[in-house]
Amino acid sequence: MAHVIVQVNGRPYTMQCPEGEEAHLRELAELLDSEVQQVKQSVGNVGDIRMLVMAGLMVADRLSEAIRRIEALEEQIDGLREARNAAQAETKAVEDQFSGRLEAASRRLEMLAREMAK
């Protein structure tokens, strides 16, 4: 495990993370610190724990919205897949119908050619 010192609300915190995840942990801490700064600007200093809870709730709200949007997009993708499958099935039916008519026309032309050759 790697040790990383992150800053949140001007205070250092030593955290552990898997090797190679240090930069990601720093980015997450920067995101949380950004939310803390927004809380401070909105309500002033309300104590570290309350400020962190409020910032955490703001991050959770953004996450909740992102999850909702992802689920909506997944539903849209499912609908598009169903529409694509229906279109492919319809295309196959039209191709089969066209192929059958083309074969019938070809047989008629061959028959006419034989009659004309007599």
Protein backbone atom coordinates (compact mmCIF):
# COMPACT_ATOMS: atom_id res chain seq x y z
CA MET A 1 0.00 0.00 0.00
CA ALA A 2 1.16 3.47 -0.86
CA HIS A 3 0.93 6.41 1.54
CA VAL A 4 -0.29 9.75 0.21
CA ILE A 5 -0.67 13.05 2.02
CA VAL A 6 -3.69 14.98 0.78
CA GLN A 7 -4.93 18.43 1.74
CA VAL A 8 -8.57 19.06 2.58
CA ASN A 9 -9.62 22.40 4.01
CA GLY A 10 -5.98 23.33 4.45
CA ARG A 11 -5.23 20.33 6.62
CA PRO A 12 -3.00 17.40 5.69
CA TYR A 13 -4.32 13.86 5.90
CA THR A 14 -2.18 10.78 5.40
CA MET A 15 -4.10 8.18 3.41
CA GLN A 16 -3.32 4.72 2.10
CA CYS A 17 -4.15 3.46 -1.35
CA PRO A 18 -3.07 0.65 -3.68
CA GLU A 19 0.21 1.20 -5.49
CA GLY A 20 -0.32 3.21 -8.66
CA GLU A 21 -3.50 4.89 -7.39
CA GLU A 22 -1.77 7.84 -5.75
CA ALA A 23 -2.64 10.37 -8.46
CA HIS A 24 -6.27 9.27 -8.44
CA LEU A 25 -6.46 9.65 -4.66
CA ARG A 26 -5.02 13.16 -4.94
CA GLU A 27 -7.65 14.02 -7.59
CA LEU A 28 -10.42 12.76 -5.30
CA ALA A 29 -9.05 14.82 -2.42
CA GLU A 30 -8.96 17.88 -4.68
CA LEU A 31 -12.60 17.26 -5.62
CA LEU A 32 -13.59 17.00 -1.95
CA ASP A 33 -11.54 20.09 -1.08
CA SER A 34 -13.25 21.99 -3.87
CA GLU A 35 -16.65 21.07 -2.42
CA VAL A 36 -15.45 22.09 1.06
CA GLN A 37 -14.42 25.48 -0.32
CA GLN A 38 -17.87 25.91 -1.89
CA VAL A 39 -19.51 25.07 1.44
CA LYS A 40 -17.26 27.60 3.19
CA GLN A 41 -18.24 30.27 0.69
CA SER A 42 -21.94 29.46 1.07
CA VAL A 43 -22.29 29.06 4.82
CA GLY A 44 -18.97 30.15 6.30
CA ASN A 45 -16.99 28.14 8.82
CA VAL A 46 -19.35 25.65 10.45
CA GLY A 47 -16.83 23.22 11.91
CA ASP A 48 -14.71 20.65 10.15
CA ILE A 49 -16.98 17.65 10.61
CA ARG A 50 -20.16 19.43 9.55
CA MET A 51 -18.34 21.02 6.60
CA LEU A 52 -17.00 17.65 5.48
CA VAL A 53 -20.45 16.09 5.84
CA MET A 54 -22.00 18.88 3.77
CA ALA A 55 -19.26 18.57 1.13
CA GLY A 56 -19.69 14.79 1.11
CA LEU A 57 -23.42 15.21 0.58
CA MET A 58 -22.76 17.57 -2.32
CA VAL A 59 -20.44 15.00 -3.90
CA ALA A 60 -23.01 12.26 -3.23
CA ASP A 61 -25.68 14.40 -4.91
CA ARG A 62 -23.51 14.78 -8.00
CA LEU A 63 -22.84 11.03 -7.97
CA SER A 64 -26.55 10.29 -7.62
CA GLU A 65 -27.33 12.54 -10.59
CA ALA A 66 -24.58 10.90 -12.65
CA ILE A 67 -25.95 7.43 -11.82
CA ARG A 68 -29.47 8.53 -12.81
CA ARG A 69 -28.18 9.87 -16.12
CA ILE A 70 -26.19 6.68 -16.77
CA GLU A 71 -29.29 4.55 -16.11
CA ALA A 72 -31.34 6.73 -18.46
CA LEU A 73 -28.68 6.40 -21.15
CA GLU A 74 -28.55 2.63 -20.64
CA GLU A 75 -32.33 2.48 -21.14
CA GLN A 76 -31.96 4.58 -24.28
CA ILE A 77 -29.23 2.24 -25.54
CA ASP A 78 -31.47 -0.77 -24.87
CA GLY A 79 -34.28 0.90 -26.84
CA LEU A 80 -31.93 1.64 -29.71
CA ARG A 81 -30.70 -1.96 -29.72
CA GLU A 82 -34.28 -3.21 -29.89
CA ALA A 83 -35.05 -0.80 -32.73
CA ARG A 84 -31.90 -1.92 -34.57
CA ASN A 85 -32.83 -5.58 -34.16
CA ALA A 86 -36.36 -4.90 -35.43
CA ALA A 87 -34.95 -2.96 -38.41
CA GLN A 88 -32.54 -5.81 -39.19
CA ALA A 89 -35.38 -8.34 -39.06
CA GLU A 90 -37.52 -6.14 -41.32
CA THR A 91 -34.61 -5.69 -43.73
CA LYS A 92 -34.10 -9.46 -43.85
CA ALA A 93 -37.81 -9.99 -44.59
CA VAL A 94 -37.74 -7.40 -47.40
CA GLU A 95 -34.56 -8.96 -48.84
CA ASP A 96 -36.14 -12.42 -48.75
CA GLN A 97 -39.30 -11.11 -50.43
CA PHE A 98 -37.28 -9.27 -53.08
CA SER A 99 -35.13 -12.35 -53.68
CA GLY A 100 -38.23 -14.49 -54.16
CA ARG A 101 -39.73 -12.03 -56.64
CA LEU A 102 -36.43 -11.76 -58.50
CA GLU A 103 -36.21 -15.54 -58.81
CA ALA A 104 -39.81 -15.70 -60.08
CA ALA A 105 -39.07 -12.98 -62.64
CA SER A 106 -35.92 -14.82 -63.71
CA ARG A 107 -37.88 -18.05 -64.23
CA ARG A 108 -40.48 -16.18 -66.30
CA LEU A 109 -37.78 -14.58 -68.44
CA GLU A 110 -36.12 -17.95 -69.02
CA MET A 111 -39.46 -19.44 -70.00
CA LEU A 112 -40.14 -16.55 -72.42
CA ALA A 113 -36.67 -16.92 -73.90
CA ARG A 114 -37.23 -20.64 -74.51
CA GLU A 115 -40.62 -19.95 -76.15
CA MET A 116 -39.09 -17.31 -78.38
CA ALA A 117 -36.25 -19.66 -79.35
CA LYS A 118 -38.76 -22.24 -80.67
